[in-house]
Amino acid sequence: MYSPKIKPELVKQLYRLKHSNENKTPMTTMVNEAVELYLKTLKGGEEIENQLRPDKAGNQNICGNN
């Protein structure tokens, strides 16, 4: 699976943000939420939500190829 490199400065900011709240939200959760929000804004909500739904094997279908 493709794992894009996140700019080090963004990782530092995420780390600081993680430790600035009581819940200590995992950085991966924050990144996933940010990307999902971006995609919903870019392409429209329902279409992206359908593409992000796991397939029968439990794999995320991020390319929209069900």
PDB file of N, CA and C in Angstrom:
ATOM      1  N   MET A   1       0.836  -1.167   0.000  1.00  0.00           N
ATOM      2  CA  MET A   1       0.000   0.000   0.000  1.00  0.00           C
ATOM      3  C   MET A   1       0.886   1.237   0.000  1.00  0.00           C
ATOM      4  N   TYR A   2       0.446   2.253  -0.686  1.00  0.00           N
ATOM      5  CA  TYR A   2       1.183   3.507  -0.785  1.00  0.00           C
ATOM      6  C   TYR A   2       1.075   4.307   0.512  1.00  0.00           C
ATOM      7  N   SER A   3       2.194   4.739   1.023  1.00  0.00           N
ATOM      8  CA  SER A   3       2.222   5.572   2.237  1.00  0.00           C
ATOM      9  C   SER A   3       2.940   6.877   1.913  1.00  0.00           C
ATOM     10  N   PRO A   4       2.190   7.937   1.656  1.00  0.00           N
ATOM     11  CA  PRO A   4       2.832   9.207   1.304  1.00  0.00           C
ATOM     12  C   PRO A   4       3.610   9.801   2.468  1.00  0.00           C
ATOM     13  N   LYS A   5       4.679  10.487   2.147  1.00  0.00           N
ATOM     14  CA  LYS A   5       5.493  11.148   3.159  1.00  0.00           C
ATOM     15  C   LYS A   5       4.848  12.469   3.539  1.00  0.00           C
ATOM     16  N   ILE A   6       4.707  12.689   4.811  1.00  0.00           N
ATOM     17  CA  ILE A   6       4.154  13.939   5.320  1.00  0.00           C
ATOM     18  C   ILE A   6       5.322  14.849   5.674  1.00  0.00           C
ATOM     19  N   LYS A   7       5.210  16.116   5.318  1.00  0.00           N
ATOM     20  CA  LYS A   7       6.287  17.068   5.600  1.00  0.00           C
ATOM     21  C   LYS A   7       6.598  17.072   7.092  1.00  0.00           C
ATOM     22  N   PRO A   8       7.892  17.061   7.456  1.00  0.00           N
ATOM     23  CA  PRO A   8       8.285  17.037   8.868  1.00  0.00           C
ATOM     24  C   PRO A   8       7.654  18.158   9.692  1.00  0.00           C
ATOM     25  N   GLU A   9       7.527  19.355   9.117  1.00  0.00           N
ATOM     26  CA  GLU A   9       6.925  20.465   9.868  1.00  0.00           C
ATOM     27  C   GLU A   9       5.464  20.176  10.199  1.00  0.00           C
ATOM     28  N   LEU A  10       4.750  19.519   9.275  1.00  0.00           N
ATOM     29  CA  LEU A  10       3.359  19.156   9.540  1.00  0.00           C
ATOM     30  C   LEU A  10       3.270  18.093  10.627  1.00  0.00           C
ATOM     31  N   VAL A  11       4.211  17.165  10.629  1.00  0.00           N
ATOM     32  CA  VAL A  11       4.233  16.139  11.677  1.00  0.00           C
ATOM     33  C   VAL A  11       4.456  16.791  13.036  1.00  0.00           C
ATOM     34  N   LYS A  12       5.362  17.761  13.095  1.00  0.00           N
ATOM     35  CA  LYS A  12       5.615  18.474  14.354  1.00  0.00           C
ATOM     36  C   LYS A  12       4.356  19.180  14.841  1.00  0.00           C
ATOM     37  N   GLN A  13       3.643  19.829  13.908  1.00  0.00           N
ATOM     38  CA  GLN A  13       2.422  20.538  14.297  1.00  0.00           C
ATOM     39  C   GLN A  13       1.348  19.560  14.768  1.00  0.00           C
ATOM     40  N   LEU A  14       1.229  18.421  14.100  1.00  0.00           N
ATOM     41  CA  LEU A  14       0.267  17.404  14.527  1.00  0.00           C
ATOM     42  C   LEU A  14       0.615  16.876  15.911  1.00  0.00           C
ATOM     43  N   TYR A  15       1.898  16.666  16.151  1.00  0.00           N
ATOM     44  CA  TYR A  15       2.348  16.165  17.450  1.00  0.00           C
ATOM     45  C   TYR A  15       1.983  17.148  18.563  1.00  0.00           C
ATOM     46  N   ARG A  16       2.250  18.433  18.304  1.00  0.00           N
ATOM     47  CA  ARG A  16       1.896  19.464  19.294  1.00  0.00           C
ATOM     48  C   ARG A  16       0.391  19.514  19.520  1.00  0.00           C
ATOM     49  N   LEU A  17      -0.373  19.421  18.441  1.00  0.00           N
ATOM     50  CA  LEU A  17      -1.823  19.442  18.548  1.00  0.00           C
ATOM     51  C   LEU A  17      -2.327  18.231  19.333  1.00  0.00           C
ATOM     52  N   LYS A  18      -1.740  17.067  19.080  1.00  0.00           N
ATOM     53  CA  LYS A  18      -2.127  15.850  19.798  1.00  0.00           C
ATOM     54  C   LYS A  18      -1.973  16.043  21.301  1.00  0.00           C
ATOM     55  N   HIS A  19      -0.873  16.650  21.701  1.00  0.00           N
ATOM     56  CA  HIS A  19      -0.590  16.804  23.129  1.00  0.00           C
ATOM     57  C   HIS A  19      -1.213  18.064  23.740  1.00  0.00           C
ATOM     58  N   SER A  20      -1.940  18.822  22.928  1.00  0.00           N
ATOM     59  CA  SER A  20      -2.569  20.026  23.449  1.00  0.00           C
ATOM     60  C   SER A  20      -4.003  19.783  23.894  1.00  0.00           C
ATOM     61  N   ASN A  21      -4.548  18.598  23.609  1.00  0.00           N
ATOM     62  CA  ASN A  21      -5.926  18.335  24.037  1.00  0.00           C
ATOM     63  C   ASN A  21      -5.951  17.189  25.047  1.00  0.00           C
ATOM     64  N   GLU A  22      -6.995  17.144  25.842  1.00  0.00           N
ATOM     65  CA  GLU A  22      -7.101  16.133  26.900  1.00  0.00           C
ATOM     66  C   GLU A  22      -7.204  14.715  26.358  1.00  0.00           C
ATOM     67  N   ASN A  23      -7.861  14.555  25.223  1.00  0.00           N
ATOM     68  CA  ASN A  23      -8.101  13.213  24.687  1.00  0.00           C
ATOM     69  C   ASN A  23      -6.868  12.587  24.056  1.00  0.00           C
ATOM     70  N   LYS A  24      -5.857  13.369  23.774  1.00  0.00           N
ATOM     71  CA  LYS A  24      -4.643  12.876  23.111  1.00  0.00           C
ATOM     72  C   LYS A  24      -5.008  12.125  21.830  1.00  0.00           C
ATOM     73  N   THR A  25      -5.803  12.773  20.972  1.00  0.00           N
ATOM     74  CA  THR A  25      -6.243  12.174  19.720  1.00  0.00           C
ATOM     75  C   THR A  25      -5.036  11.713  18.915  1.00  0.00           C
ATOM     76  N   PRO A  26      -5.023  10.443  18.484  1.00  0.00           N
ATOM     77  CA  PRO A  26      -3.891   9.945  17.697  1.00  0.00           C
ATOM     78  C   PRO A  26      -3.691  10.765  16.415  1.00  0.00           C
ATOM     79  N   MET A  27      -2.440  10.951  16.043  1.00  0.00           N
ATOM     80  CA  MET A  27      -2.124  11.729  14.854  1.00  0.00           C
ATOM     81  C   MET A  27      -2.743  11.101  13.613  1.00  0.00           C
ATOM     82  N   THR A  28      -2.782   9.772  13.532  1.00  0.00           N
ATOM     83  CA  THR A  28      -3.381   9.121  12.363  1.00  0.00           C
ATOM     84  C   THR A  28      -4.867   9.452  12.265  1.00  0.00           C
ATOM     85  N   THR A  29      -5.540   9.563  13.400  1.00  0.00           N
ATOM     86  CA  THR A  29      -6.956   9.919  13.399  1.00  0.00           C
ATOM     87  C   THR A  29      -7.137  11.335  12.879  1.00  0.00           C
ATOM     88  N   MET A  30      -6.286  12.257  13.334  1.00  0.00           N
ATOM     89  CA  MET A  30      -6.379  13.641  12.870  1.00  0.00           C
ATOM     90  C   MET A  30      -6.123  13.735  11.362  1.00  0.00           C
ATOM     91  N   VAL A  31      -5.124  13.002  10.875  1.00  0.00           N
ATOM     92  CA  VAL A  31      -4.806  13.038   9.447  1.00  0.00           C
ATOM     93  C   VAL A  31      -5.949  12.426   8.637  1.00  0.00           C
ATOM     94  N   ASN A  32      -6.487  11.302   9.090  1.00  0.00           N
ATOM     95  CA  ASN A  32      -7.609  10.681   8.379  1.00  0.00           C
ATOM     96  C   ASN A  32      -8.800  11.620   8.300  1.00  0.00           C
ATOM     97  N   GLU A  33      -9.128  12.270   9.411  1.00  0.00           N
ATOM     98  CA  GLU A  33     -10.253  13.211   9.424  1.00  0.00           C
ATOM     99  C   GLU A  33     -10.000  14.383   8.477  1.00  0.00           C
ATOM    100  N   ALA A  34      -8.772  14.882   8.450  1.00  0.00           N
ATOM    101  CA  ALA A  34      -8.441  16.010   7.587  1.00  0.00           C
ATOM    102  C   ALA A  34      -8.544  15.618   6.112  1.00  0.00           C
ATOM    103  N   VAL A  35      -8.050  14.450   5.769  1.00  0.00           N
ATOM    104  CA  VAL A  35      -8.095  13.997   4.377  1.00  0.00           C
ATOM    105  C   VAL A  35      -9.540  13.733   3.952  1.00  0.00           C
ATOM    106  N   GLU A  36     -10.325  13.083   4.820  1.00  0.00           N
ATOM    107  CA  GLU A  36     -11.725  12.833   4.490  1.00  0.00           C
ATOM    108  C   GLU A  36     -12.479  14.143   4.277  1.00  0.00           C
ATOM    109  N   LEU A  37     -12.249  15.122   5.141  1.00  0.00           N
ATOM    110  CA  LEU A  37     -12.898  16.425   5.001  1.00  0.00           C
ATOM    111  C   LEU A  37     -12.487  17.084   3.680  1.00  0.00           C
ATOM    112  N   TYR A  38     -11.217  17.021   3.369  1.00  0.00           N
ATOM    113  CA  TYR A  38     -10.711  17.589   2.113  1.00  0.00           C
ATOM    114  C   TYR A  38     -11.377  16.925   0.913  1.00  0.00           C
ATOM    115  N   LEU A  39     -11.442  15.599   0.921  1.00  0.00           N
ATOM    116  CA  LEU A  39     -12.044  14.884  -0.203  1.00  0.00           C
ATOM    117  C   LEU A  39     -13.536  15.168  -0.330  1.00  0.00           C
ATOM    118  N   LYS A  40     -14.227  15.261   0.794  1.00  0.00           N
ATOM    119  CA  LYS A  40     -15.655  15.586   0.759  1.00  0.00           C
ATOM    120  C   LYS A  40     -15.861  16.977   0.174  1.00  0.00           C
ATOM    121  N   THR A  41     -15.012  17.909   0.549  1.00  0.00           N
ATOM    122  CA  THR A  41     -15.109  19.269   0.047  1.00  0.00           C
ATOM    123  C   THR A  41     -14.790  19.318  -1.444  1.00  0.00           C
ATOM    124  N   LEU A  42     -13.804  18.553  -1.847  1.00  0.00           N
ATOM    125  CA  LEU A  42     -13.328  18.566  -3.225  1.00  0.00           C
ATOM    126  C   LEU A  42     -14.306  17.902  -4.188  1.00  0.00           C
ATOM    127  N   LYS A  43     -14.803  16.727  -3.821  1.00  0.00           N
ATOM    128  CA  LYS A  43     -15.585  15.934  -4.764  1.00  0.00           C
ATOM    129  C   LYS A  43     -17.054  15.786  -4.421  1.00  0.00           C
ATOM    130  N   GLY A  44     -17.467  16.143  -3.243  1.00  0.00           N
ATOM    131  CA  GLY A  44     -18.859  15.964  -2.841  1.00  0.00           C
ATOM    132  C   GLY A  44     -18.981  14.786  -1.899  1.00  0.00           C
ATOM    133  N   GLY A  45     -19.743  14.972  -0.846  1.00  0.00           N
ATOM    134  CA  GLY A  45     -19.810  14.041   0.261  1.00  0.00           C
ATOM    135  C   GLY A  45     -20.152  12.607  -0.031  1.00  0.00           C
ATOM    136  N   GLU A  46     -21.294  12.341  -0.634  1.00  0.00           N
ATOM    137  CA  GLU A  46     -21.766  10.961  -0.750  1.00  0.00           C
ATOM    138  C   GLU A  46     -20.849  10.110  -1.623  1.00  0.00           C
ATOM    139  N   GLU A  47     -20.387  10.674  -2.723  1.00  0.00           N
ATOM    140  CA  GLU A  47     -19.517   9.919  -3.622  1.00  0.00           C
ATOM    141  C   GLU A  47     -18.265   9.443  -2.904  1.00  0.00           C
ATOM    142  N   ILE A  48     -17.631  10.311  -2.142  1.00  0.00           N
ATOM    143  CA  ILE A  48     -16.415   9.956  -1.416  1.00  0.00           C
ATOM    144  C   ILE A  48     -16.713   8.968  -0.310  1.00  0.00           C
ATOM    145  N   GLU A  49     -17.795   9.159   0.428  1.00  0.00           N
ATOM    146  CA  GLU A  49     -18.134   8.224   1.499  1.00  0.00           C
ATOM    147  C   GLU A  49     -18.307   6.818   0.947  1.00  0.00           C
ATOM    148  N   ASN A  50     -18.917   6.678  -0.214  1.00  0.00           N
ATOM    149  CA  ASN A  50     -19.082   5.359  -0.834  1.00  0.00           C
ATOM    150  C   ASN A  50     -17.730   4.763  -1.194  1.00  0.00           C
ATOM    151  N   GLN A  51     -16.818   5.590  -1.663  1.00  0.00           N
ATOM    152  CA  GLN A  51     -15.503   5.099  -2.046  1.00  0.00           C
ATOM    153  C   GLN A  51     -14.664   4.715  -0.835  1.00  0.00           C
ATOM    154  N   LEU A  52     -14.898   5.343   0.315  1.00  0.00           N
ATOM    155  CA  LEU A  52     -14.109   5.061   1.513  1.00  0.00           C
ATOM    156  C   LEU A  52     -14.655   3.879   2.308  1.00  0.00           C
ATOM    157  N   ARG A  53     -15.833   3.387   1.950  1.00  0.00           N
ATOM    158  CA  ARG A  53     -16.423   2.271   2.666  1.00  0.00           C
ATOM    159  C   ARG A  53     -15.586   1.005   2.473  1.00  0.00           C
ATOM    160  N   PRO A  54     -15.340   0.235   3.540  1.00  0.00           N
ATOM    161  CA  PRO A  54     -14.568  -1.006   3.395  1.00  0.00           C
ATOM    162  C   PRO A  54     -15.306  -2.009   2.506  1.00  0.00           C
ATOM    163  N   ASP A  55     -14.541  -2.813   1.754  1.00  0.00           N
ATOM    164  CA  ASP A  55     -15.161  -3.863   0.951  1.00  0.00           C
ATOM    165  C   ASP A  55     -15.468  -5.070   1.840  1.00  0.00           C
ATOM    166  N   LYS A  56     -15.926  -6.163   1.242  1.00  0.00           N
ATOM    167  CA  LYS A  56     -16.330  -7.334   2.032  1.00  0.00           C
ATOM    168  C   LYS A  56     -15.182  -7.945   2.820  1.00  0.00           C
ATOM    169  N   ALA A  57     -13.958  -7.751   2.352  1.00  0.00           N
ATOM    170  CA  ALA A  57     -12.784  -8.277   3.038  1.00  0.00           C
ATOM    171  C   ALA A  57     -12.294  -7.318   4.121  1.00  0.00           C
ATOM    172  N   GLY A  58     -12.949  -6.163   4.253  1.00  0.00           N
ATOM    173  CA  GLY A  58     -12.565  -5.194   5.292  1.00  0.00           C
ATOM    174  C   GLY A  58     -11.505  -4.210   4.839  1.00  0.00           C
ATOM    175  N   ASN A  59     -11.148  -4.222   3.543  1.00  0.00           N
ATOM    176  CA  ASN A  59     -10.135  -3.317   3.022  1.00  0.00           C
ATOM    177  C   ASN A  59     -10.768  -1.995   2.623  1.00  0.00           C
ATOM    178  N   GLN A  60     -10.070  -0.894   2.909  1.00  0.00           N
ATOM    179  CA  GLN A  60     -10.554   0.418   2.483  1.00  0.00           C
ATOM    180  C   GLN A  60     -10.414   0.515   0.976  1.00  0.00           C
ATOM    181  N   ASN A  61     -11.465   0.940   0.305  1.00  0.00           N
ATOM    182  CA  ASN A  61     -11.442   1.093  -1.140  1.00  0.00           C
ATOM    183  C   ASN A  61     -11.247   2.565  -1.471  1.00  0.00           C
ATOM    184  N   ILE A  62     -10.006   3.012  -1.420  1.00  0.00           N
ATOM    185  CA  ILE A  62      -9.742   4.441  -1.579  1.00  0.00           C
ATOM    186  C   ILE A  62      -9.711   4.879  -3.029  1.00  0.00           C
ATOM    187  N   CYS A  63      -9.698   3.948  -3.967  1.00  0.00           N
ATOM    188  CA  CYS A  63      -9.648   4.312  -5.375  1.00  0.00           C
ATOM    189  C   CYS A  63     -11.011   4.291  -6.029  1.00  0.00           C
ATOM    190  N   GLY A  64     -12.022   3.813  -5.316  1.00  0.00           N
ATOM    191  CA  GLY A  64     -13.358   3.768  -5.879  1.00  0.00           C
ATOM    192  C   GLY A  64     -13.601   2.585  -6.787  1.00  0.00           C
ATOM    193  N   ASN A  65     -12.754   1.570  -6.722  1.00  0.00           N
ATOM    194  CA  ASN A  65     -12.913   0.383  -7.544  1.00  0.00           C
ATOM    195  C   ASN A  65     -13.510  -0.738  -6.739  1.00  0.00           C
ATOM    196  N   ASN A  66     -14.822  -0.766  -6.606  1.00  0.00           N
ATOM    197  CA  ASN A  66     -15.480  -1.808  -5.810  1.00  0.00           C
ATOM    198  C   ASN A  66     -15.471  -3.125  -6.521  1.00  0.00           C
TER     199      ASN A  66
END
